[in-house]
Amino acid sequence: MNHANPGTKFYLSLLEFLLSAKQHMVAVGAEYGLSSIQAVTLLLLDENAPRPMKSLGLLFHCDASNVTGIIDGLEQKGLVARENDPRDRRIKTIRICPAGRRLQQAITEQLARDNGYLFDPLSVSEAQQFVNIVEKLAQAKRPA
C-alpha cells in the first residue's frame, strides 16, 4: 500500500477518526443498554420525519432482514414504532417514540459533553468548519 499518496493518507486518517468516534458512541449507547447498531439507528432517526426502513438498509449496506432485527429490538424497548407510509402502504417507516427521543437526546448530550477528545487538536474555528463540512457531506450522501 502506497502511504505517500495523499488520497490514501486521507482515507486512512478518516477511517481512524471515524472508528474512534464510533467506538466512543458505541460505549455511550451500551451504557443505555443498546447494541452498537441500535445506538447508531436511534441517533439517525428524526422525530419530524419517519424514516423508511429501506433507507436504513441502504445506509448500513445490509439486508432488509437485518434492519428488521434492529428495529424489533428498538421496538421491544419502546423506543420506536413501525408504521405504514401514508402515501404507499407497502413502505414501512420507523417513527421515534417519546421514550426514544428522550434517550436519543440523553445520548447526544453525553456525546457532545465528551467530544473534546475528538476536537482538542482543532481551534474553535477549525472545529466549527469541520462540523459544517461533515454536515454538508452527510446531507449530500443521505439515501432517499
C-alpha atoms as a PDB file:
ATOM      1  CA  MET A   1       0.000   0.000   0.000  1.00  0.00           C
ATOM      2  CA  ASN A   2       1.382   3.390  -1.006  1.00  0.00           C
ATOM      3  CA  HIS A   3       1.075   5.624   2.077  1.00  0.00           C
ATOM      4  CA  ALA A   4       2.748   8.504   0.190  1.00  0.00           C
ATOM      5  CA  ASN A   5      -0.403   9.029  -1.905  1.00  0.00           C
ATOM      6  CA  PRO A   6      -2.378  11.931  -0.320  1.00  0.00           C
ATOM      7  CA  GLY A   7      -5.674  10.188  -1.107  1.00  0.00           C
ATOM      8  CA  THR A   8      -4.532   7.065   0.739  1.00  0.00           C
ATOM      9  CA  LYS A   9      -3.397   9.116   3.719  1.00  0.00           C
ATOM     10  CA  PHE A  10      -6.740  10.929   3.753  1.00  0.00           C
ATOM     11  CA  TYR A  11      -8.790   7.718   3.768  1.00  0.00           C
ATOM     12  CA  LEU A  12      -6.617   6.045   6.388  1.00  0.00           C
ATOM     13  CA  SER A  13      -6.803   9.110   8.636  1.00  0.00           C
ATOM     14  CA  LEU A  14     -10.552   9.453   8.057  1.00  0.00           C
ATOM     15  CA  LEU A  15     -11.096   5.785   8.830  1.00  0.00           C
ATOM     16  CA  GLU A  16      -9.101   6.031  12.048  1.00  0.00           C
ATOM     17  CA  PHE A  17     -11.029   9.151  13.106  1.00  0.00           C
ATOM     18  CA  LEU A  18     -14.428   7.621  12.303  1.00  0.00           C
ATOM     19  CA  LEU A  19     -13.659   4.361  14.080  1.00  0.00           C
ATOM     20  CA  SER A  20     -12.513   6.267  17.147  1.00  0.00           C
ATOM     21  CA  ALA A  21     -15.706   8.342  17.154  1.00  0.00           C
ATOM     22  CA  LYS A  22     -17.823   5.214  16.585  1.00  0.00           C
ATOM     23  CA  GLN A  23     -16.099   3.379  19.437  1.00  0.00           C
ATOM     24  CA  HIS A  24     -16.990   6.184  21.801  1.00  0.00           C
ATOM     25  CA  MET A  25     -20.589   6.364  20.539  1.00  0.00           C
ATOM     26  CA  VAL A  26     -20.967   2.596  20.929  1.00  0.00           C
ATOM     27  CA  ALA A  27     -19.659   2.774  24.512  1.00  0.00           C
ATOM     28  CA  VAL A  28     -22.146   5.517  25.360  1.00  0.00           C
ATOM     29  CA  GLY A  29     -25.006   3.551  23.741  1.00  0.00           C
ATOM     30  CA  ALA A  30     -24.035   0.464  25.749  1.00  0.00           C
ATOM     31  CA  GLU A  31     -24.399   2.497  28.958  1.00  0.00           C
ATOM     32  CA  TYR A  32     -28.075   2.804  27.992  1.00  0.00           C
ATOM     33  CA  GLY A  33     -28.499  -0.881  27.131  1.00  0.00           C
ATOM     34  CA  LEU A  34     -28.255  -0.528  23.350  1.00  0.00           C
ATOM     35  CA  SER A  35     -26.213  -2.609  20.941  1.00  0.00           C
ATOM     36  CA  SER A  36     -23.887  -0.635  18.680  1.00  0.00           C
ATOM     37  CA  ILE A  37     -26.247  -0.802  15.698  1.00  0.00           C
ATOM     38  CA  GLN A  38     -29.270   0.055  17.853  1.00  0.00           C
ATOM     39  CA  ALA A  39     -27.468   3.146  19.158  1.00  0.00           C
ATOM     40  CA  VAL A  40     -26.498   4.240  15.645  1.00  0.00           C
ATOM     41  CA  THR A  41     -30.035   3.651  14.363  1.00  0.00           C
ATOM     42  CA  LEU A  42     -31.648   5.574  17.216  1.00  0.00           C
ATOM     43  CA  LEU A  43     -29.312   8.522  16.675  1.00  0.00           C
ATOM     44  CA  LEU A  44     -30.172   8.642  12.957  1.00  0.00           C
ATOM     45  CA  LEU A  45     -33.922   8.998  13.497  1.00  0.00           C
ATOM     46  CA  ASP A  46     -35.639  12.369  13.154  1.00  0.00           C
ATOM     47  CA  GLU A  47     -38.748  12.975  15.260  1.00  0.00           C
ATOM     48  CA  ASN A  48     -40.227  15.135  12.471  1.00  0.00           C
ATOM     49  CA  ALA A  49     -39.704  12.681   9.621  1.00  0.00           C
ATOM     50  CA  PRO A  50     -40.350   8.937   9.964  1.00  0.00           C
ATOM     51  CA  ARG A  51     -37.587   7.082   8.134  1.00  0.00           C
ATOM     52  CA  PRO A  52     -38.266   4.319   5.594  1.00  0.00           C
ATOM     53  CA  MET A  53     -36.781   1.000   6.726  1.00  0.00           C
ATOM     54  CA  LYS A  54     -35.291   0.568   3.270  1.00  0.00           C
ATOM     55  CA  SER A  55     -33.179   3.719   3.719  1.00  0.00           C
ATOM     56  CA  LEU A  56     -31.578   2.171   6.806  1.00  0.00           C
ATOM     57  CA  GLY A  57     -30.705  -0.955   4.828  1.00  0.00           C
ATOM     58  CA  LEU A  58     -29.096   1.186   2.143  1.00  0.00           C
ATOM     59  CA  LEU A  59     -27.201   3.265   4.690  1.00  0.00           C
ATOM     60  CA  PHE A  60     -25.983   0.230   6.669  1.00  0.00           C
ATOM     61  CA  HIS A  61     -25.440  -1.750   3.457  1.00  0.00           C
ATOM     62  CA  CYS A  62     -27.299  -4.744   4.850  1.00  0.00           C
ATOM     63  CA  ASP A  63     -30.223  -6.992   4.078  1.00  0.00           C
ATOM     64  CA  ALA A  64     -33.777  -5.955   4.991  1.00  0.00           C
ATOM     65  CA  SER A  65     -33.973  -8.840   7.482  1.00  0.00           C
ATOM     66  CA  ASN A  66     -31.048  -7.318   9.415  1.00  0.00           C
ATOM     67  CA  VAL A  67     -32.853  -3.966   9.606  1.00  0.00           C
ATOM     68  CA  THR A  68     -35.981  -5.791  10.786  1.00  0.00           C
ATOM     69  CA  GLY A  69     -33.989  -7.329  13.650  1.00  0.00           C
ATOM     70  CA  ILE A  70     -32.533  -3.957  14.635  1.00  0.00           C
ATOM     71  CA  ILE A  71     -35.953  -2.319  14.626  1.00  0.00           C
ATOM     72  CA  ASP A  72     -37.508  -5.273  16.505  1.00  0.00           C
ATOM     73  CA  GLY A  73     -35.032  -4.702  19.347  1.00  0.00           C
ATOM     74  CA  LEU A  74     -35.692  -0.960  19.483  1.00  0.00           C
ATOM     75  CA  GLU A  75     -39.435  -1.540  19.269  1.00  0.00           C
ATOM     76  CA  GLN A  76     -39.338  -4.042  22.164  1.00  0.00           C
ATOM     77  CA  LYS A  77     -37.652  -1.343  24.262  1.00  0.00           C
ATOM     78  CA  GLY A  78     -40.480   1.099  23.387  1.00  0.00           C
ATOM     79  CA  LEU A  79     -38.100   3.443  21.557  1.00  0.00           C
ATOM     80  CA  VAL A  80     -39.500   3.272  18.016  1.00  0.00           C
ATOM     81  CA  ALA A  81     -42.687   2.279  16.214  1.00  0.00           C
ATOM     82  CA  ARG A  82     -43.139   0.762  12.782  1.00  0.00           C
ATOM     83  CA  GLU A  83     -45.793   2.380  10.586  1.00  0.00           C
ATOM     84  CA  ASN A  84     -47.128   2.203   7.069  1.00  0.00           C
ATOM     85  CA  ASP A  85     -46.212   5.164   4.892  1.00  0.00           C
ATOM     86  CA  PRO A  86     -49.485   7.068   4.296  1.00  0.00           C
ATOM     87  CA  ARG A  87     -48.544   7.580   0.621  1.00  0.00           C
ATOM     88  CA  ASP A  88     -47.647   3.935  -0.033  1.00  0.00           C
ATOM     89  CA  ARG A  89     -48.736   1.232   2.408  1.00  0.00           C
ATOM     90  CA  ARG A  90     -46.081  -1.137   1.043  1.00  0.00           C
ATOM     91  CA  ILE A  91     -43.406   1.085   2.590  1.00  0.00           C
ATOM     92  CA  LYS A  92     -42.677   0.627   6.291  1.00  0.00           C
ATOM     93  CA  THR A  93     -41.373   3.653   8.126  1.00  0.00           C
ATOM     94  CA  ILE A  94     -39.809   3.986  11.553  1.00  0.00           C
ATOM     95  CA  ARG A  95     -41.022   6.686  13.904  1.00  0.00           C
ATOM     96  CA  ILE A  96     -39.141   7.543  17.065  1.00  0.00           C
ATOM     97  CA  CYS A  97     -41.347   7.328  20.163  1.00  0.00           C
ATOM     98  CA  PRO A  98     -41.193   9.825  23.042  1.00  0.00           C
ATOM     99  CA  ALA A  99     -39.036   7.428  25.116  1.00  0.00           C
ATOM    100  CA  GLY A 100     -36.721   7.002  22.128  1.00  0.00           C
ATOM    101  CA  ARG A 101     -36.479  10.757  21.652  1.00  0.00           C
ATOM    102  CA  ARG A 102     -35.577  11.221  25.338  1.00  0.00           C
ATOM    103  CA  LEU A 103     -32.902   8.517  25.078  1.00  0.00           C
ATOM    104  CA  GLN A 104     -31.621   9.961  21.796  1.00  0.00           C
ATOM    105  CA  GLN A 105     -31.304  13.352  23.473  1.00  0.00           C
ATOM    106  CA  ALA A 106     -29.507  11.895  26.514  1.00  0.00           C
ATOM    107  CA  ILE A 107     -27.016  10.082  24.277  1.00  0.00           C
ATOM    108  CA  THR A 108     -26.359  13.089  22.030  1.00  0.00           C
ATOM    109  CA  GLU A 109     -25.914  15.359  25.069  1.00  0.00           C
ATOM    110  CA  GLN A 110     -23.401  12.931  26.569  1.00  0.00           C
ATOM    111  CA  LEU A 111     -21.569  12.661  23.243  1.00  0.00           C
ATOM    112  CA  ALA A 112     -21.470  16.458  22.974  1.00  0.00           C
ATOM    113  CA  ARG A 113     -20.040  16.735  26.517  1.00  0.00           C
ATOM    114  CA  ASP A 114     -17.435  14.072  25.730  1.00  0.00           C
ATOM    115  CA  ASN A 115     -16.404  15.255  22.251  1.00  0.00           C
ATOM    116  CA  GLY A 116     -13.332  17.114  23.471  1.00  0.00           C
ATOM    117  CA  TYR A 117     -11.046  14.228  22.658  1.00  0.00           C
ATOM    118  CA  LEU A 118     -12.172  14.457  19.016  1.00  0.00           C
ATOM    119  CA  PHE A 119     -11.816  18.212  18.664  1.00  0.00           C
ATOM    120  CA  ASP A 120      -8.978  19.058  21.070  1.00  0.00           C
ATOM    121  CA  PRO A 121      -6.383  19.265  18.262  1.00  0.00           C
ATOM    122  CA  LEU A 122      -8.520  21.902  16.465  1.00  0.00           C
ATOM    123  CA  SER A 123      -9.114  25.570  17.154  1.00  0.00           C
ATOM    124  CA  VAL A 124     -12.720  26.586  17.810  1.00  0.00           C
ATOM    125  CA  SER A 125     -12.925  27.951  14.256  1.00  0.00           C
ATOM    126  CA  GLU A 126     -11.445  24.772  12.745  1.00  0.00           C
ATOM    127  CA  ALA A 127     -13.830  22.595  14.761  1.00  0.00           C
ATOM    128  CA  GLN A 128     -16.845  24.600  13.513  1.00  0.00           C
ATOM    129  CA  GLN A 129     -15.598  24.409   9.913  1.00  0.00           C
ATOM    130  CA  PHE A 130     -15.110  20.648  10.275  1.00  0.00           C
ATOM    131  CA  VAL A 131     -18.638  20.195  11.660  1.00  0.00           C
ATOM    132  CA  ASN A 132     -20.104  22.301   8.834  1.00  0.00           C
ATOM    133  CA  ILE A 133     -18.251  20.298   6.192  1.00  0.00           C
ATOM    134  CA  VAL A 134     -19.264  16.935   7.687  1.00  0.00           C
ATOM    135  CA  GLU A 135     -22.921  18.053   7.907  1.00  0.00           C
ATOM    136  CA  LYS A 136     -22.835  19.197   4.264  1.00  0.00           C
ATOM    137  CA  LEU A 137     -21.282  15.917   3.103  1.00  0.00           C
ATOM    138  CA  ALA A 138     -23.728  13.826   5.144  1.00  0.00           C
ATOM    139  CA  GLN A 139     -26.702  15.708   3.695  1.00  0.00           C
ATOM    140  CA  ALA A 140     -25.436  15.251   0.131  1.00  0.00           C
ATOM    141  CA  LYS A 141     -24.872  11.484   0.583  1.00  0.00           C
ATOM    142  CA  ARG A 142     -28.052  10.708   2.554  1.00  0.00           C
ATOM    143  CA  PRO A 143     -30.051   7.902   0.914  1.00  0.00           C
ATOM    144  CA  ALA A 144     -33.566   8.825  -0.173  1.00  0.00           C
END
